[in-house]
Each structure stands twice: as structure tokens, then as C-alpha cells.
Amino acid sequence: MVIGTMCVVSKKDHMMEALHHSILIIVILLLLLVSQTLTDRVDAYENFTVGDSQGWRPRPVENYTTWALGKNFTLGDFLS
């Protein structure tokens, strides 16, 4: 009778161990996903020349507001 109980406990322990391994794999995958997302954002900056070929001028031919409307600025971009 004791042997049957030990087998049930052993199966339960095995199931719990498998569950812990599954959770660990999920946590590792989520950490990899988050780190990849953060890395992509840091590396994805752009360098914009204000006014394009005209450059930055006191009295620009093109309105800088109009120039900026055609751009998609994000955190980390450079304006020169």
C-alpha cells in the first residue's frame, strides 16, 4: 500500500517539476523579447538636418513647421 502512495507522490512531483520548467522557459522567452524590443528602440535613431539641403537659416525659404510635418520624430533622434 505504501508503494502505491509513493508512486502517486512521485508523479505529482514530476508534474510540478515540469510546470516549473515550463514557467522558467516562458520567463526567459519574455525577457529575451523585452530586451530585443529595448535594443531595437535604442538603435533605431535618425539624424535629421533641419531644413534639409537649405539647412538652418534665420529666414528660411521653407517654413520649419511645414518641414517638420513630413517627418516622424521619435525619442533619440538627432536634429542638426
PDB file of N, CA and C in Angstrom:
ATOM      1  N   MET A   1       0.816  -1.191   0.000  1.00  0.00           N
ATOM      2  CA  MET A   1       0.000   0.000   0.000  1.00  0.00           C
ATOM      3  C   MET A   1       0.865   1.263   0.000  1.00  0.00           C
ATOM      4  N   VAL A   2       1.950   1.264   0.689  1.00  0.00           N
ATOM      5  CA  VAL A   2       2.844   2.407   0.756  1.00  0.00           C
ATOM      6  C   VAL A   2       3.486   2.658  -0.607  1.00  0.00           C
ATOM      7  N   ILE A   3       3.785   1.628  -1.341  1.00  0.00           N
ATOM      8  CA  ILE A   3       4.406   1.770  -2.655  1.00  0.00           C
ATOM      9  C   ILE A   3       3.477   2.525  -3.600  1.00  0.00           C
ATOM     10  N   GLY A   4       2.188   2.251  -3.591  1.00  0.00           N
ATOM     11  CA  GLY A   4       1.233   2.963  -4.440  1.00  0.00           C
ATOM     12  C   GLY A   4       1.185   4.443  -4.110  1.00  0.00           C
ATOM     13  N   THR A   5       1.257   4.797  -2.846  1.00  0.00           N
ATOM     14  CA  THR A   5       1.248   6.189  -2.425  1.00  0.00           C
ATOM     15  C   THR A   5       2.526   6.881  -2.885  1.00  0.00           C
ATOM     16  N   MET A   6       3.637   6.197  -2.802  1.00  0.00           N
ATOM     17  CA  MET A   6       4.898   6.776  -3.224  1.00  0.00           C
ATOM     18  C   MET A   6       4.884   7.051  -4.721  1.00  0.00           C
ATOM     19  N   CYS A   7       4.265   6.197  -5.517  1.00  0.00           N
ATOM     20  CA  CYS A   7       4.177   6.410  -6.955  1.00  0.00           C
ATOM     21  C   CYS A   7       3.341   7.639  -7.264  1.00  0.00           C
ATOM     22  N   VAL A   8       2.233   7.831  -6.556  1.00  0.00           N
ATOM     23  CA  VAL A   8       1.390   8.996  -6.772  1.00  0.00           C
ATOM     24  C   VAL A   8       2.152  10.268  -6.422  1.00  0.00           C
ATOM     25  N   VAL A   9       2.868  10.258  -5.327  1.00  0.00           N
ATOM     26  CA  VAL A   9       3.659  11.412  -4.925  1.00  0.00           C
ATOM     27  C   VAL A   9       4.742  11.670  -5.968  1.00  0.00           C
ATOM     28  N   SER A  10       5.350  10.641  -6.460  1.00  0.00           N
ATOM     29  CA  SER A  10       6.388  10.787  -7.463  1.00  0.00           C
ATOM     30  C   SER A  10       5.831  11.401  -8.743  1.00  0.00           C
ATOM     31  N   LYS A  11       4.652  10.974  -9.175  1.00  0.00           N
ATOM     32  CA  LYS A  11       4.028  11.554 -10.373  1.00  0.00           C
ATOM     33  C   LYS A  11       3.690  13.021 -10.135  1.00  0.00           C
ATOM     34  N   LYS A  12       3.207  13.331  -8.937  1.00  0.00           N
ATOM     35  CA  LYS A  12       2.868  14.717  -8.609  1.00  0.00           C
ATOM     36  C   LYS A  12       4.125  15.585  -8.620  1.00  0.00           C
ATOM     37  N   ASP A  13       5.202  15.074  -8.025  1.00  0.00           N
ATOM     38  CA  ASP A  13       6.459  15.815  -8.032  1.00  0.00           C
ATOM     39  C   ASP A  13       6.961  16.031  -9.453  1.00  0.00           C
ATOM     40  N   HIS A  14       6.833  15.005 -10.268  1.00  0.00           N
ATOM     41  CA  HIS A  14       7.264  15.115 -11.660  1.00  0.00           C
ATOM     42  C   HIS A  14       6.449  16.183 -12.400  1.00  0.00           C
ATOM     43  N   MET A  15       5.147  16.223 -12.163  1.00  0.00           N
ATOM     44  CA  MET A  15       4.285  17.221 -12.795  1.00  0.00           C
ATOM     45  C   MET A  15       4.646  18.624 -12.326  1.00  0.00           C
ATOM     46  N   MET A  16       4.937  18.781 -11.048  1.00  0.00           N
ATOM     47  CA  MET A  16       5.317  20.097 -10.524  1.00  0.00           C
ATOM     48  C   MET A  16       6.651  20.543 -11.107  1.00  0.00           C
ATOM     49  N   GLU A  17       7.588  19.611 -11.245  1.00  0.00           N
ATOM     50  CA  GLU A  17       8.886  19.932 -11.827  1.00  0.00           C
ATOM     51  C   GLU A  17       8.717  20.355 -13.287  1.00  0.00           C
ATOM     52  N   ALA A  18       7.869  19.662 -14.025  1.00  0.00           N
ATOM     53  CA  ALA A  18       7.609  20.021 -15.423  1.00  0.00           C
ATOM     54  C   ALA A  18       6.964  21.402 -15.509  1.00  0.00           C
ATOM     55  N   LEU A  19       6.061  21.708 -14.584  1.00  0.00           N
ATOM     56  CA  LEU A  19       5.408  23.019 -14.549  1.00  0.00           C
ATOM     57  C   LEU A  19       6.436  24.112 -14.268  1.00  0.00           C
ATOM     58  N   HIS A  20       7.341  23.886 -13.336  1.00  0.00           N
ATOM     59  CA  HIS A  20       8.380  24.872 -13.022  1.00  0.00           C
ATOM     60  C   HIS A  20       9.288  25.105 -14.223  1.00  0.00           C
ATOM     61  N   HIS A  21       9.624  24.052 -14.944  1.00  0.00           N
ATOM     62  CA  HIS A  21      10.459  24.197 -16.139  1.00  0.00           C
ATOM     63  C   HIS A  21       9.725  25.006 -17.207  1.00  0.00           C
ATOM     64  N   SER A  22       8.439  24.747 -17.368  1.00  0.00           N
ATOM     65  CA  SER A  22       7.643  25.485 -18.357  1.00  0.00           C
ATOM     66  C   SER A  22       7.584  26.966 -18.006  1.00  0.00           C
ATOM     67  N   ILE A  23       7.364  27.272 -16.740  1.00  0.00           N
ATOM     68  CA  ILE A  23       7.304  28.668 -16.304  1.00  0.00           C
ATOM     69  C   ILE A  23       8.661  29.336 -16.513  1.00  0.00           C
ATOM     70  N   LEU A  24       9.746  28.632 -16.204  1.00  0.00           N
ATOM     71  CA  LEU A  24      11.082  29.185 -16.399  1.00  0.00           C
ATOM     72  C   LEU A  24      11.337  29.494 -17.872  1.00  0.00           C
ATOM     73  N   ILE A  25      10.938  28.613 -18.753  1.00  0.00           N
ATOM     74  CA  ILE A  25      11.114  28.834 -20.199  1.00  0.00           C
ATOM     75  C   ILE A  25      10.311  30.047 -20.647  1.00  0.00           C
ATOM     76  N   ILE A  26       9.091  30.186 -20.167  1.00  0.00           N
ATOM     77  CA  ILE A  26       8.249  31.326 -20.534  1.00  0.00           C
ATOM     78  C   ILE A  26       8.875  32.633 -20.043  1.00  0.00           C
ATOM     79  N   VAL A  27       9.389  32.653 -18.821  1.00  0.00           N
ATOM     80  CA  VAL A  27      10.024  33.858 -18.271  1.00  0.00           C
ATOM     81  C   VAL A  27      11.261  34.230 -19.087  1.00  0.00           C
ATOM     82  N   ILE A  28      12.069  33.236 -19.444  1.00  0.00           N
ATOM     83  CA  ILE A  28      13.265  33.508 -20.254  1.00  0.00           C
ATOM     84  C   ILE A  28      12.882  34.064 -21.610  1.00  0.00           C
ATOM     85  N   LEU A  29      11.868  33.491 -22.250  1.00  0.00           N
ATOM     86  CA  LEU A  29      11.424  33.990 -23.552  1.00  0.00           C
ATOM     87  C   LEU A  29      10.894  35.418 -23.456  1.00  0.00           C
ATOM     88  N   LEU A  30      10.157  35.720 -22.400  1.00  0.00           N
ATOM     89  CA  LEU A  30       9.653  37.082 -22.213  1.00  0.00           C
ATOM     90  C   LEU A  30      10.799  38.073 -21.990  1.00  0.00           C
ATOM     91  N   LEU A  31      11.800  37.687 -21.225  1.00  0.00           N
ATOM     92  CA  LEU A  31      12.958  38.558 -21.012  1.00  0.00           C
ATOM     93  C   LEU A  31      13.711  38.797 -22.318  1.00  0.00           C
ATOM     94  N   LEU A  32      13.854  37.768 -23.130  1.00  0.00           N
ATOM     95  CA  LEU A  32      14.502  37.939 -24.430  1.00  0.00           C
ATOM     96  C   LEU A  32      13.703  38.881 -25.327  1.00  0.00           C
ATOM     97  N   LEU A  33      12.391  38.738 -25.313  1.00  0.00           N
ATOM     98  CA  LEU A  33      11.533  39.594 -26.118  1.00  0.00           C
ATOM     99  C   LEU A  33      11.643  41.051 -25.677  1.00  0.00           C
ATOM    100  N   VAL A  34      11.599  41.289 -24.385  1.00  0.00           N
ATOM    101  CA  VAL A  34      11.702  42.655 -23.856  1.00  0.00           C
ATOM    102  C   VAL A  34      13.070  43.244 -24.170  1.00  0.00           C
ATOM    103  N   SER A  35      14.130  42.480 -23.983  1.00  0.00           N
ATOM    104  CA  SER A  35      15.468  43.013 -24.256  1.00  0.00           C
ATOM    105  C   SER A  35      15.642  43.314 -25.738  1.00  0.00           C
ATOM    106  N   GLN A  36      15.076  42.500 -26.609  1.00  0.00           N
ATOM    107  CA  GLN A  36      15.163  42.749 -28.046  1.00  0.00           C
ATOM    108  C   GLN A  36      14.406  44.018 -28.411  1.00  0.00           C
ATOM    109  N   THR A  37      13.250  44.214 -27.814  1.00  0.00           N
ATOM    110  CA  THR A  37      12.455  45.405 -28.077  1.00  0.00           C
ATOM    111  C   THR A  37      13.196  46.659 -27.635  1.00  0.00           C
ATOM    112  N   LEU A  38      13.798  46.627 -26.458  1.00  0.00           N
ATOM    113  CA  LEU A  38      14.547  47.793 -25.971  1.00  0.00           C
ATOM    114  C   LEU A  38      15.768  48.061 -26.827  1.00  0.00           C
ATOM    115  N   THR A  39      16.442  47.021 -27.263  1.00  0.00           N
ATOM    116  CA  THR A  39      17.619  47.181 -28.118  1.00  0.00           C
ATOM    117  C   THR A  39      17.238  47.803 -29.448  1.00  0.00           C
ATOM    118  N   ASP A  40      16.119  47.371 -30.027  1.00  0.00           N
ATOM    119  CA  ASP A  40      15.672  47.929 -31.302  1.00  0.00           C
ATOM    120  C   ASP A  40      15.386  49.417 -31.173  1.00  0.00           C
ATOM    121  N   ARG A  41      14.793  49.823 -30.092  1.00  0.00           N
ATOM    122  CA  ARG A  41      14.458  51.237 -29.918  1.00  0.00           C
ATOM    123  C   ARG A  41      15.707  52.096 -29.780  1.00  0.00           C
ATOM    124  N   VAL A  42      16.708  51.621 -29.095  1.00  0.00           N
ATOM    125  CA  VAL A  42      17.924  52.397 -28.900  1.00  0.00           C
ATOM    126  C   VAL A  42      18.678  52.545 -30.217  1.00  0.00           C
ATOM    127  N   ASP A  43      18.717  51.494 -31.005  1.00  0.00           N
ATOM    128  CA  ASP A  43      19.477  51.519 -32.255  1.00  0.00           C
ATOM    129  C   ASP A  43      18.735  52.183 -33.402  1.00  0.00           C
ATOM    130  N   ALA A  44      17.480  52.520 -33.224  1.00  0.00           N
ATOM    131  CA  ALA A  44      16.665  52.996 -34.328  1.00  0.00           C
ATOM    132  C   ALA A  44      16.543  54.516 -34.368  1.00  0.00           C
ATOM    133  N   TYR A  45      17.601  55.241 -34.045  1.00  0.00           N
ATOM    134  CA  TYR A  45      17.529  56.698 -34.095  1.00  0.00           C
ATOM    135  C   TYR A  45      17.810  57.177 -35.519  1.00  0.00           C
ATOM    136  N   GLU A  46      17.380  58.393 -35.811  1.00  0.00           N
ATOM    137  CA  GLU A  46      17.660  59.015 -37.111  1.00  0.00           C
ATOM    138  C   GLU A  46      18.307  60.371 -36.879  1.00  0.00           C
ATOM    139  N   ASN A  47      19.069  60.816 -37.844  1.00  0.00           N
ATOM    140  CA  ASN A  47      19.688  62.131 -37.797  1.00  0.00           C
ATOM    141  C   ASN A  47      19.024  63.000 -38.864  1.00  0.00           C
ATOM    142  N   PHE A  48      18.356  64.064 -38.432  1.00  0.00           N
ATOM    143  CA  PHE A  48      17.653  64.962 -39.349  1.00  0.00           C
ATOM    144  C   PHE A  48      18.420  66.280 -39.473  1.00  0.00           C
ATOM    145  N   THR A  49      18.580  66.762 -40.688  1.00  0.00           N
ATOM    146  CA  THR A  49      19.125  68.098 -40.927  1.00  0.00           C
ATOM    147  C   THR A  49      17.938  69.034 -41.085  1.00  0.00           C
ATOM    148  N   VAL A  50      17.784  69.941 -40.147  1.00  0.00           N
ATOM    149  CA  VAL A  50      16.641  70.846 -40.177  1.00  0.00           C
ATOM    150  C   VAL A  50      16.695  71.672 -41.454  1.00  0.00           C
ATOM    151  N   GLY A  51      15.606  71.676 -42.206  1.00  0.00           N
ATOM    152  CA  GLY A  51      15.539  72.409 -43.457  1.00  0.00           C
ATOM    153  C   GLY A  51      16.130  71.640 -44.635  1.00  0.00           C
ATOM    154  N   ASP A  52      16.510  70.385 -44.419  1.00  0.00           N
ATOM    155  CA  ASP A  52      17.107  69.527 -45.446  1.00  0.00           C
ATOM    156  C   ASP A  52      18.313  70.212 -46.084  1.00  0.00           C
ATOM    157  N   SER A  53      18.344  70.326 -47.401  1.00  0.00           N
ATOM    158  CA  SER A  53      19.517  70.881 -48.086  1.00  0.00           C
ATOM    159  C   SER A  53      19.682  72.383 -47.823  1.00  0.00           C
ATOM    160  N   GLN A  54      18.608  73.071 -47.464  1.00  0.00           N
ATOM    161  CA  GLN A  54      18.686  74.500 -47.164  1.00  0.00           C
ATOM    162  C   GLN A  54      19.383  74.752 -45.822  1.00  0.00           C
ATOM    163  N   GLY A  55      19.281  73.787 -44.915  1.00  0.00           N
ATOM    164  CA  GLY A  55      19.886  73.944 -43.593  1.00  0.00           C
ATOM    165  C   GLY A  55      19.093  74.902 -42.711  1.00  0.00           C
ATOM    166  N   TRP A  56      19.648  75.171 -41.555  1.00  0.00           N
ATOM    167  CA  TRP A  56      19.007  76.068 -40.587  1.00  0.00           C
ATOM    168  C   TRP A  56      19.398  77.493 -40.927  1.00  0.00           C
ATOM    169  N   ARG A  57      18.407  78.341 -41.205  1.00  0.00           N
ATOM    170  CA  ARG A  57      18.650  79.738 -41.588  1.00  0.00           C
ATOM    171  C   ARG A  57      17.754  80.674 -40.793  1.00  0.00           C
ATOM    172  N   PRO A  58      18.202  81.911 -40.613  1.00  0.00           N
ATOM    173  CA  PRO A  58      17.374  82.885 -39.887  1.00  0.00           C
ATOM    174  C   PRO A  58      16.045  83.149 -40.599  1.00  0.00           C
ATOM    175  N   ARG A  59      16.059  83.245 -41.924  1.00  0.00           N
ATOM    176  CA  ARG A  59      14.829  83.474 -42.695  1.00  0.00           C
ATOM    177  C   ARG A  59      14.724  82.367 -43.754  1.00  0.00           C
ATOM    178  N   PRO A  60      14.208  81.221 -43.348  1.00  0.00           N
ATOM    179  CA  PRO A  60      14.196  80.079 -44.272  1.00  0.00           C
ATOM    180  C   PRO A  60      13.201  80.260 -45.412  1.00  0.00           C
ATOM    181  N   VAL A  61      13.506  79.654 -46.542  1.00  0.00           N
ATOM    182  CA  VAL A  61      12.580  79.654 -47.678  1.00  0.00           C
ATOM    183  C   VAL A  61      11.359  78.816 -47.314  1.00  0.00           C
ATOM    184  N   GLU A  62      11.604  77.676 -46.682  1.00  0.00           N
ATOM    185  CA  GLU A  62      10.524  76.792 -46.264  1.00  0.00           C
ATOM    186  C   GLU A  62      10.253  76.993 -44.779  1.00  0.00           C
ATOM    187  N   ASN A  63       8.978  77.013 -44.425  1.00  0.00           N
ATOM    188  CA  ASN A  63       8.580  77.120 -43.033  1.00  0.00           C
ATOM    189  C   ASN A  63       9.003  75.840 -42.309  1.00  0.00           C
ATOM    190  N   TYR A  64       9.685  75.954 -41.162  1.00  0.00           N
ATOM    191  CA  TYR A  64      10.149  74.776 -40.442  1.00  0.00           C
ATOM    192  C   TYR A  64       8.994  73.919 -39.927  1.00  0.00           C
ATOM    193  N   THR A  65       7.876  74.528 -39.633  1.00  0.00           N
ATOM    194  CA  THR A  65       6.700  73.757 -39.223  1.00  0.00           C
ATOM    195  C   THR A  65       6.242  72.862 -40.367  1.00  0.00           C
ATOM    196  N   THR A  66       6.207  73.394 -41.576  1.00  0.00           N
ATOM    197  CA  THR A  66       5.845  72.607 -42.752  1.00  0.00           C
ATOM    198  C   THR A  66       6.876  71.503 -42.974  1.00  0.00           C
ATOM    199  N   TRP A  67       8.144  71.819 -42.808  1.00  0.00           N
ATOM    200  CA  TRP A  67       9.204  70.825 -42.959  1.00  0.00           C
ATOM    201  C   TRP A  67       9.020  69.680 -41.961  1.00  0.00           C
ATOM    202  N   ALA A  68       8.689  70.028 -40.724  1.00  0.00           N
ATOM    203  CA  ALA A  68       8.548  69.019 -39.672  1.00  0.00           C
ATOM    204  C   ALA A  68       7.326  68.133 -39.872  1.00  0.00           C
ATOM    205  N   LEU A  69       6.294  68.622 -40.538  1.00  0.00           N
ATOM    206  CA  LEU A  69       5.089  67.827 -40.748  1.00  0.00           C
ATOM    207  C   LEU A  69       5.371  66.566 -41.569  1.00  0.00           C
ATOM    208  N   GLY A  70       6.364  66.606 -42.429  1.00  0.00           N
ATOM    209  CA  GLY A  70       6.686  65.443 -43.248  1.00  0.00           C
ATOM    210  C   GLY A  70       7.615  64.456 -42.568  1.00  0.00           C
ATOM    211  N   LYS A  71       7.928  64.660 -41.304  1.00  0.00           N
ATOM    212  CA  LYS A  71       8.877  63.808 -40.577  1.00  0.00           C
ATOM    213  C   LYS A  71       8.171  63.070 -39.447  1.00  0.00           C
ATOM    214  N   ASN A  72       8.739  61.936 -39.089  1.00  0.00           N
ATOM    215  CA  ASN A  72       8.242  61.159 -37.949  1.00  0.00           C
ATOM    216  C   ASN A  72       9.360  61.089 -36.916  1.00  0.00           C
ATOM    217  N   PHE A  73       9.355  62.030 -35.979  1.00  0.00           N
ATOM    218  CA  PHE A  73      10.392  62.105 -34.969  1.00  0.00           C
ATOM    219  C   PHE A  73      10.076  61.147 -33.830  1.00  0.00           C
ATOM    220  N   THR A  74      11.116  60.499 -33.314  1.00  0.00           N
ATOM    221  CA  THR A  74      10.964  59.630 -32.148  1.00  0.00           C
ATOM    222  C   THR A  74      12.056  59.953 -31.150  1.00  0.00           C
ATOM    223  N   LEU A  75      11.869  59.478 -29.923  1.00  0.00           N
ATOM    224  CA  LEU A  75      12.819  59.705 -28.859  1.00  0.00           C
ATOM    225  C   LEU A  75      14.180  59.156 -29.267  1.00  0.00           C
ATOM    226  N   GLY A  76      15.212  59.969 -29.157  1.00  0.00           N
ATOM    227  CA  GLY A  76      16.560  59.550 -29.511  1.00  0.00           C
ATOM    228  C   GLY A  76      17.039  60.093 -30.849  1.00  0.00           C
ATOM    229  N   ASP A  77      16.137  60.686 -31.646  1.00  0.00           N
ATOM    230  CA  ASP A  77      16.541  61.260 -32.917  1.00  0.00           C
ATOM    231  C   ASP A  77      17.408  62.498 -32.696  1.00  0.00           C
ATOM    232  N   PHE A  78      18.255  62.801 -33.664  1.00  0.00           N
ATOM    233  CA  PHE A  78      19.114  63.987 -33.608  1.00  0.00           C
ATOM    234  C   PHE A  78      18.657  65.013 -34.636  1.00  0.00           C
ATOM    235  N   LEU A  79      18.626  66.263 -34.237  1.00  0.00           N
ATOM    236  CA  LEU A  79      18.332  67.359 -35.145  1.00  0.00           C
ATOM    237  C   LEU A  79      19.579  68.223 -35.243  1.00  0.00           C
ATOM    238  N   SER A  80      20.003  68.471 -36.474  1.00  0.00           N
ATOM    239  CA  SER A  80      21.196  69.314 -36.650  1.00  0.00           C
ATOM    240  C   SER A  80      20.936  70.360 -37.703  1.00  0.00           C
TER     241      SER A  80
END
